[in-house]
Amino acid sequence: MLEASLNQLEQLVADLMHKNAQLTEQNQQLDQALAQAKEENETLQLSLMEQEEQNGATAARIQALVERASAGAVSA
């Protein structure tokens, strides 16, 4: 009976070690995916900031053109 219990315990320990190895590998893959997602997020945020800056400059130029056109139409 003790031998059977010892065999069961050995099998349980082996199963747990295998499961631990699987979870460790899965955790490493998730860490890599998270790092990649963070890097992509930073890149997208920088791109968005650049686009907002360009849109602001374009809006200012359009507003200036509208004001010039309005001033020309009023004086004509």
PDB file of N, CA and C in Angstrom:
ATOM      1  N   MET A   1       0.818  -1.191   0.000  1.00  0.00           N
ATOM      2  CA  MET A   1       0.000   0.000   0.000  1.00  0.00           C
ATOM      3  C   MET A   1       0.865   1.259   0.000  1.00  0.00           C
ATOM      4  N   LEU A   2       1.911   1.250   0.780  1.00  0.00           N
ATOM      5  CA  LEU A   2       2.816   2.399   0.819  1.00  0.00           C
ATOM      6  C   LEU A   2       3.472   2.593  -0.541  1.00  0.00           C
ATOM      7  N   GLU A   3       3.800   1.475  -1.188  1.00  0.00           N
ATOM      8  CA  GLU A   3       4.419   1.554  -2.516  1.00  0.00           C
ATOM      9  C   GLU A   3       3.460   2.188  -3.518  1.00  0.00           C
ATOM     10  N   ALA A   4       2.174   1.847  -3.448  1.00  0.00           N
ATOM     11  CA  ALA A   4       1.175   2.412  -4.359  1.00  0.00           C
ATOM     12  C   ALA A   4       1.015   3.903  -4.114  1.00  0.00           C
ATOM     13  N   SER A   5       0.997   4.287  -2.848  1.00  0.00           N
ATOM     14  CA  SER A   5       0.879   5.706  -2.512  1.00  0.00           C
ATOM     15  C   SER A   5       2.089   6.479  -2.999  1.00  0.00           C
ATOM     16  N   LEU A   6       3.253   5.884  -2.850  1.00  0.00           N
ATOM     17  CA  LEU A   6       4.487   6.534  -3.303  1.00  0.00           C
ATOM     18  C   LEU A   6       4.471   6.686  -4.827  1.00  0.00           C
ATOM     19  N   ASN A   7       4.008   5.668  -5.524  1.00  0.00           N
ATOM     20  CA  ASN A   7       3.912   5.743  -6.982  1.00  0.00           C
ATOM     21  C   ASN A   7       2.926   6.832  -7.412  1.00  0.00           C
ATOM     22  N   GLN A   8       1.806   6.910  -6.726  1.00  0.00           N
ATOM     23  CA  GLN A   8       0.819   7.953  -7.035  1.00  0.00           C
ATOM     24  C   GLN A   8       1.407   9.338  -6.800  1.00  0.00           C
ATOM     25  N   LEU A   9       2.122   9.471  -5.686  1.00  0.00           N
ATOM     26  CA  LEU A   9       2.744  10.752  -5.352  1.00  0.00           C
ATOM     27  C   LEU A   9       3.776  11.139  -6.413  1.00  0.00           C
ATOM     28  N   GLU A  10       4.573  10.173  -6.843  1.00  0.00           N
ATOM     29  CA  GLU A  10       5.561  10.443  -7.894  1.00  0.00           C
ATOM     30  C   GLU A  10       4.872  10.897  -9.179  1.00  0.00           C
ATOM     31  N   GLN A  11       3.769  10.243  -9.522  1.00  0.00           N
ATOM     32  CA  GLN A  11       3.035  10.613 -10.732  1.00  0.00           C
ATOM     33  C   GLN A  11       2.440  12.014 -10.605  1.00  0.00           C
ATOM     34  N   LEU A  12       1.896  12.319  -9.439  1.00  0.00           N
ATOM     35  CA  LEU A  12       1.338  13.656  -9.214  1.00  0.00           C
ATOM     36  C   LEU A  12       2.409  14.738  -9.319  1.00  0.00           C
ATOM     37  N   VAL A  13       3.571  14.458  -8.740  1.00  0.00           N
ATOM     38  CA  VAL A  13       4.676  15.425  -8.806  1.00  0.00           C
ATOM     39  C   VAL A  13       5.112  15.608 -10.255  1.00  0.00           C
ATOM     40  N   ALA A  14       5.215  14.517 -11.006  1.00  0.00           N
ATOM     41  CA  ALA A  14       5.606  14.606 -12.416  1.00  0.00           C
ATOM     42  C   ALA A  14       4.567  15.406 -13.205  1.00  0.00           C
ATOM     43  N   ASP A  15       3.284  15.145 -12.943  1.00  0.00           N
ATOM     44  CA  ASP A  15       2.213  15.890 -13.625  1.00  0.00           C
ATOM     45  C   ASP A  15       2.282  17.377 -13.296  1.00  0.00           C
ATOM     46  N   LEU A  16       2.510  17.677 -12.029  1.00  0.00           N
ATOM     47  CA  LEU A  16       2.597  19.080 -11.618  1.00  0.00           C
ATOM     48  C   LEU A  16       3.807  19.768 -12.242  1.00  0.00           C
ATOM     49  N   MET A  17       4.919  19.075 -12.320  1.00  0.00           N
ATOM     50  CA  MET A  17       6.115  19.664 -12.929  1.00  0.00           C
ATOM     51  C   MET A  17       5.883  19.916 -14.419  1.00  0.00           C
ATOM     52  N   HIS A  18       5.199  18.980 -15.084  1.00  0.00           N
ATOM     53  CA  HIS A  18       4.884  19.164 -16.501  1.00  0.00           C
ATOM     54  C   HIS A  18       3.943  20.354 -16.685  1.00  0.00           C
ATOM     55  N   LYS A  19       2.926  20.428 -15.859  1.00  0.00           N
ATOM     56  CA  LYS A  19       1.973  21.545 -15.942  1.00  0.00           C
ATOM     57  C   LYS A  19       2.678  22.867 -15.656  1.00  0.00           C
ATOM     58  N   ASN A  20       3.576  22.870 -14.701  1.00  0.00           N
ATOM     59  CA  ASN A  20       4.333  24.081 -14.377  1.00  0.00           C
ATOM     60  C   ASN A  20       5.177  24.521 -15.572  1.00  0.00           C
ATOM     61  N   ALA A  21       5.797  23.567 -16.259  1.00  0.00           N
ATOM     62  CA  ALA A  21       6.603  23.901 -17.433  1.00  0.00           C
ATOM     63  C   ALA A  21       5.716  24.491 -18.530  1.00  0.00           C
ATOM     64  N   GLN A  22       4.540  23.910 -18.729  1.00  0.00           N
ATOM     65  CA  GLN A  22       3.614  24.445 -19.726  1.00  0.00           C
ATOM     66  C   GLN A  22       3.188  25.865 -19.385  1.00  0.00           C
ATOM     67  N   LEU A  23       2.839  26.082 -18.130  1.00  0.00           N
ATOM     68  CA  LEU A  23       2.391  27.415 -17.714  1.00  0.00           C
ATOM     69  C   LEU A  23       3.519  28.432 -17.790  1.00  0.00           C
ATOM     70  N   THR A  24       4.731  28.009 -17.480  1.00  0.00           N
ATOM     71  CA  THR A  24       5.882  28.912 -17.575  1.00  0.00           C
ATOM     72  C   THR A  24       6.094  29.334 -19.022  1.00  0.00           C
ATOM     73  N   GLU A  25       5.996  28.378 -19.947  1.00  0.00           N
ATOM     74  CA  GLU A  25       6.152  28.696 -21.365  1.00  0.00           C
ATOM     75  C   GLU A  25       5.031  29.619 -21.839  1.00  0.00           C
ATOM     76  N   GLN A  26       3.815  29.325 -21.417  1.00  0.00           N
ATOM     77  CA  GLN A  26       2.679  30.163 -21.803  1.00  0.00           C
ATOM     78  C   GLN A  26       2.851  31.584 -21.246  1.00  0.00           C
ATOM     79  N   ASN A  27       3.331  31.696 -20.028  1.00  0.00           N
ATOM     80  CA  ASN A  27       3.559  32.999 -19.412  1.00  0.00           C
ATOM     81  C   ASN A  27       4.608  33.793 -20.186  1.00  0.00           C
ATOM     82  N   GLN A  28       5.664  33.120 -20.626  1.00  0.00           N
ATOM     83  CA  GLN A  28       6.691  33.797 -21.410  1.00  0.00           C
ATOM     84  C   GLN A  28       6.128  34.290 -22.740  1.00  0.00           C
ATOM     85  N   GLN A  29       5.280  33.477 -23.369  1.00  0.00           N
ATOM     86  CA  GLN A  29       4.662  33.897 -24.632  1.00  0.00           C
ATOM     87  C   GLN A  29       3.754  35.105 -24.410  1.00  0.00           C
ATOM     88  N   LEU A  30       3.016  35.089 -23.322  1.00  0.00           N
ATOM     89  CA  LEU A  30       2.140  36.222 -23.018  1.00  0.00           C
ATOM     90  C   LEU A  30       2.951  37.483 -22.717  1.00  0.00           C
ATOM     91  N   ASP A  31       4.078  37.319 -22.018  1.00  0.00           N
ATOM     92  CA  ASP A  31       4.954  38.468 -21.752  1.00  0.00           C
ATOM     93  C   ASP A  31       5.463  39.065 -23.057  1.00  0.00           C
ATOM     94  N   GLN A  32       5.844  38.215 -24.000  1.00  0.00           N
ATOM     95  CA  GLN A  32       6.324  38.705 -25.295  1.00  0.00           C
ATOM     96  C   GLN A  32       5.206  39.409 -26.063  1.00  0.00           C
ATOM     97  N   ALA A  33       4.017  38.831 -26.038  1.00  0.00           N
ATOM     98  CA  ALA A  33       2.885  39.454 -26.726  1.00  0.00           C
ATOM     99  C   ALA A  33       2.546  40.800 -26.096  1.00  0.00           C
ATOM    100  N   LEU A  34       2.609  40.872 -24.777  1.00  0.00           N
ATOM    101  CA  LEU A  34       2.329  42.133 -24.084  1.00  0.00           C
ATOM    102  C   LEU A  34       3.370  43.184 -24.441  1.00  0.00           C
ATOM    103  N   ALA A  35       4.638  42.804 -24.457  1.00  0.00           N
ATOM    104  CA  ALA A  35       5.692  43.755 -24.817  1.00  0.00           C
ATOM    105  C   ALA A  35       5.493  44.269 -26.238  1.00  0.00           C
ATOM    106  N   GLN A  36       5.119  43.374 -27.150  1.00  0.00           N
ATOM    107  CA  GLN A  36       4.877  43.770 -28.532  1.00  0.00           C
ATOM    108  C   GLN A  36       3.677  44.705 -28.623  1.00  0.00           C
ATOM    109  N   ALA A  37       2.627  44.396 -27.881  1.00  0.00           N
ATOM    110  CA  ALA A  37       1.433  45.249 -27.901  1.00  0.00           C
ATOM    111  C   ALA A  37       1.741  46.631 -27.328  1.00  0.00           C
ATOM    112  N   LYS A  38       2.547  46.681 -26.263  1.00  0.00           N
ATOM    113  CA  LYS A  38       2.923  47.975 -25.680  1.00  0.00           C
ATOM    114  C   LYS A  38       3.725  48.803 -26.674  1.00  0.00           C
ATOM    115  N   GLU A  39       4.652  48.149 -27.376  1.00  0.00           N
ATOM    116  CA  GLU A  39       5.468  48.854 -28.358  1.00  0.00           C
ATOM    117  C   GLU A  39       4.600  49.377 -29.505  1.00  0.00           C
ATOM    118  N   GLU A  40       3.680  48.546 -29.962  1.00  0.00           N
ATOM    119  CA  GLU A  40       2.775  48.972 -31.030  1.00  0.00           C
ATOM    120  C   GLU A  40       1.891  50.124 -30.564  1.00  0.00           C
ATOM    121  N   ASN A  41       1.435  50.060 -29.321  1.00  0.00           N
ATOM    122  CA  ASN A  41       0.607  51.129 -28.768  1.00  0.00           C
ATOM    123  C   ASN A  41       1.376  52.449 -28.725  1.00  0.00           C
ATOM    124  N   GLU A  42       2.623  52.397 -28.297  1.00  0.00           N
ATOM    125  CA  GLU A  42       3.438  53.618 -28.253  1.00  0.00           C
ATOM    126  C   GLU A  42       3.630  54.195 -29.650  1.00  0.00           C
ATOM    127  N   THR A  43       3.873  53.314 -30.615  1.00  0.00           N
ATOM    128  CA  THR A  43       4.056  53.754 -31.993  1.00  0.00           C
ATOM    129  C   THR A  43       2.791  54.416 -32.520  1.00  0.00           C
ATOM    130  N   LEU A  44       1.652  53.797 -32.230  1.00  0.00           N
ATOM    131  CA  LEU A  44       0.380  54.365 -32.680  1.00  0.00           C
ATOM    132  C   LEU A  44       0.085  55.699 -32.012  1.00  0.00           C
ATOM    133  N   GLN A  45       0.422  55.818 -30.721  1.00  0.00           N
ATOM    134  CA  GLN A  45       0.196  57.089 -30.024  1.00  0.00           C
ATOM    135  C   GLN A  45       1.058  58.194 -30.617  1.00  0.00           C
ATOM    136  N   LEU A  46       2.316  57.882 -30.928  1.00  0.00           N
ATOM    137  CA  LEU A  46       3.184  58.884 -31.557  1.00  0.00           C
ATOM    138  C   LEU A  46       2.648  59.281 -32.921  1.00  0.00           C
ATOM    139  N   SER A  47       2.195  58.304 -33.679  1.00  0.00           N
ATOM    140  CA  SER A  47       1.626  58.588 -34.996  1.00  0.00           C
ATOM    141  C   SER A  47       0.396  59.468 -34.870  1.00  0.00           C
ATOM    142  N   LEU A  48      -0.446  59.169 -33.905  1.00  0.00           N
ATOM    143  CA  LEU A  48      -1.644  59.981 -33.689  1.00  0.00           C
ATOM    144  C   LEU A  48      -1.279  61.413 -33.322  1.00  0.00           C
ATOM    145  N   MET A  49      -0.299  61.584 -32.455  1.00  0.00           N
ATOM    146  CA  MET A  49       0.128  62.937 -32.068  1.00  0.00           C
ATOM    147  C   MET A  49       0.638  63.703 -33.290  1.00  0.00           C
ATOM    148  N   GLU A  50       1.395  63.024 -34.150  1.00  0.00           N
ATOM    149  CA  GLU A  50       1.905  63.679 -35.352  1.00  0.00           C
ATOM    150  C   GLU A  50       0.758  64.079 -36.274  1.00  0.00           C
ATOM    151  N   GLN A  51      -0.213  63.180 -36.420  1.00  0.00           N
ATOM    152  CA  GLN A  51      -1.361  63.492 -37.272  1.00  0.00           C
ATOM    153  C   GLN A  51      -2.174  64.649 -36.709  1.00  0.00           C
ATOM    154  N   GLU A  52      -2.354  64.685 -35.401  1.00  0.00           N
ATOM    155  CA  GLU A  52      -3.093  65.783 -34.782  1.00  0.00           C
ATOM    156  C   GLU A  52      -2.364  67.102 -35.001  1.00  0.00           C
ATOM    157  N   GLU A  53      -1.039  67.059 -34.907  1.00  0.00           N
ATOM    158  CA  GLU A  53      -0.247  68.267 -35.130  1.00  0.00           C
ATOM    159  C   GLU A  53      -0.394  68.734 -36.578  1.00  0.00           C
ATOM    160  N   GLN A  54      -0.327  67.796 -37.512  1.00  0.00           N
ATOM    161  CA  GLN A  54      -0.492  68.148 -38.921  1.00  0.00           C
ATOM    162  C   GLN A  54      -1.896  68.672 -39.196  1.00  0.00           C
ATOM    163  N   ASN A  55      -2.895  68.052 -38.592  1.00  0.00           N
ATOM    164  CA  ASN A  55      -4.274  68.511 -38.779  1.00  0.00           C
ATOM    165  C   ASN A  55      -4.466  69.919 -38.218  1.00  0.00           C
ATOM    166  N   GLY A  56      -3.837  70.202 -37.088  1.00  0.00           N
ATOM    167  CA  GLY A  56      -3.925  71.538 -36.510  1.00  0.00           C
ATOM    168  C   GLY A  56      -3.312  72.574 -37.428  1.00  0.00           C
ATOM    169  N   ALA A  57      -2.150  72.232 -37.991  1.00  0.00           N
ATOM    170  CA  ALA A  57      -1.495  73.169 -38.912  1.00  0.00           C
ATOM    171  C   ALA A  57      -2.340  73.363 -40.167  1.00  0.00           C
ATOM    172  N   THR A  58      -2.919  72.294 -40.668  1.00  0.00           N
ATOM    173  CA  THR A  58      -3.774  72.398 -41.858  1.00  0.00           C
ATOM    174  C   THR A  58      -5.015  73.232 -41.563  1.00  0.00           C
ATOM    175  N   ALA A  59      -5.611  73.021 -40.414  1.00  0.00           N
ATOM    176  CA  ALA A  59      -6.798  73.790 -40.029  1.00  0.00           C
ATOM    177  C   ALA A  59      -6.458  75.278 -39.923  1.00  0.00           C
ATOM    178  N   ALA A  60      -5.300  75.585 -39.377  1.00  0.00           N
ATOM    179  CA  ALA A  60      -4.893  76.987 -39.256  1.00  0.00           C
ATOM    180  C   ALA A  60      -4.701  77.614 -40.636  1.00  0.00           C
ATOM    181  N   ARG A  61      -4.100  76.861 -41.552  1.00  0.00           N
ATOM    182  CA  ARG A  61      -3.901  77.385 -42.913  1.00  0.00           C
ATOM    183  C   ARG A  61      -5.244  77.600 -43.606  1.00  0.00           C
ATOM    184  N   ILE A  62      -6.164  76.649 -43.434  1.00  0.00           N
ATOM    185  CA  ILE A  62      -7.491  76.788 -44.046  1.00  0.00           C
ATOM    186  C   ILE A  62      -8.215  77.996 -43.475  1.00  0.00           C
ATOM    187  N   GLN A  63      -8.128  78.163 -42.157  1.00  0.00           N
ATOM    188  CA  GLN A  63      -8.781  79.309 -41.515  1.00  0.00           C
ATOM    189  C   GLN A  63      -8.204  80.620 -42.041  1.00  0.00           C
ATOM    190  N   ALA A  64      -6.899  80.664 -42.213  1.00  0.00           N
ATOM    191  CA  ALA A  64      -6.268  81.877 -42.742  1.00  0.00           C
ATOM    192  C   ALA A  64      -6.731  82.144 -44.171  1.00  0.00           C
ATOM    193  N   LEU A  65      -6.857  81.105 -44.971  1.00  0.00           N
ATOM    194  CA  LEU A  65      -7.333  81.278 -46.344  1.00  0.00           C
ATOM    195  C   LEU A  65      -8.783  81.756 -46.379  1.00  0.00           C
ATOM    196  N   VAL A  66      -9.610  81.183 -45.491  1.00  0.00           N
ATOM    197  CA  VAL A  66     -11.011  81.605 -45.411  1.00  0.00           C
ATOM    198  C   VAL A  66     -11.088  83.071 -45.014  1.00  0.00           C
ATOM    199  N   GLU A  67     -10.281  83.490 -44.062  1.00  0.00           N
ATOM    200  CA  GLU A  67     -10.273  84.896 -43.614  1.00  0.00           C
ATOM    201  C   GLU A  67      -9.801  85.811 -44.753  1.00  0.00           C
ATOM    202  N   ARG A  68      -8.791  85.367 -45.487  1.00  0.00           N
ATOM    203  CA  ARG A  68      -8.323  86.172 -46.624  1.00  0.00           C
ATOM    204  C   ARG A  68      -9.392  86.288 -47.698  1.00  0.00           C
ATOM    205  N   ALA A  69     -10.067  85.171 -47.961  1.00  0.00           N
ATOM    206  CA  ALA A  69     -11.115  85.176 -48.965  1.00  0.00           C
ATOM    207  C   ALA A  69     -12.274  86.054 -48.517  1.00  0.00           C
ATOM    208  N   SER A  70     -12.608  85.983 -47.240  1.00  0.00           N
ATOM    209  CA  SER A  70     -13.692  86.812 -46.712  1.00  0.00           C
ATOM    210  C   SER A  70     -13.316  88.286 -46.788  1.00  0.00           C
ATOM    211  N   ALA A  71     -12.098  88.614 -46.437  1.00  0.00           N
ATOM    212  CA  ALA A  71     -11.659  90.006 -46.468  1.00  0.00           C
ATOM    213  C   ALA A  71     -11.655  90.513 -47.921  1.00  0.00           C
ATOM    214  N   GLY A  72     -11.281  89.682 -48.851  1.00  0.00           N
ATOM    215  CA  GLY A  72     -11.284  90.065 -50.261  1.00  0.00           C
ATOM    216  C   GLY A  72     -12.688  90.276 -50.792  1.00  0.00           C
ATOM    217  N   ALA A  73     -13.602  89.439 -50.342  1.00  0.00           N
ATOM    218  CA  ALA A  73     -14.985  89.550 -50.799  1.00  0.00           C
ATOM    219  C   ALA A  73     -15.642  90.780 -50.215  1.00  0.00           C
ATOM    220  N   VAL A  74     -15.306  91.148 -49.000  1.00  0.00           N
ATOM    221  CA  VAL A  74     -15.899  92.320 -48.351  1.00  0.00           C
ATOM    222  C   VAL A  74     -15.393  93.596 -49.009  1.00  0.00           C
ATOM    223  N   SER A  75     -14.117  93.663 -49.340  1.00  0.00           N
ATOM    224  CA  SER A  75     -13.553  94.880 -49.918  1.00  0.00           C
ATOM    225  C   SER A  75     -13.871  95.016 -51.401  1.00  0.00           C
ATOM    226  N   ALA A  76     -14.297  93.951 -52.023  1.00  0.00           N
ATOM    227  CA  ALA A  76     -14.595  94.030 -53.468  1.00  0.00           C
ATOM    228  C   ALA A  76     -15.913  94.642 -53.778  1.00  0.00           C
TER     229      ALA A  76
END
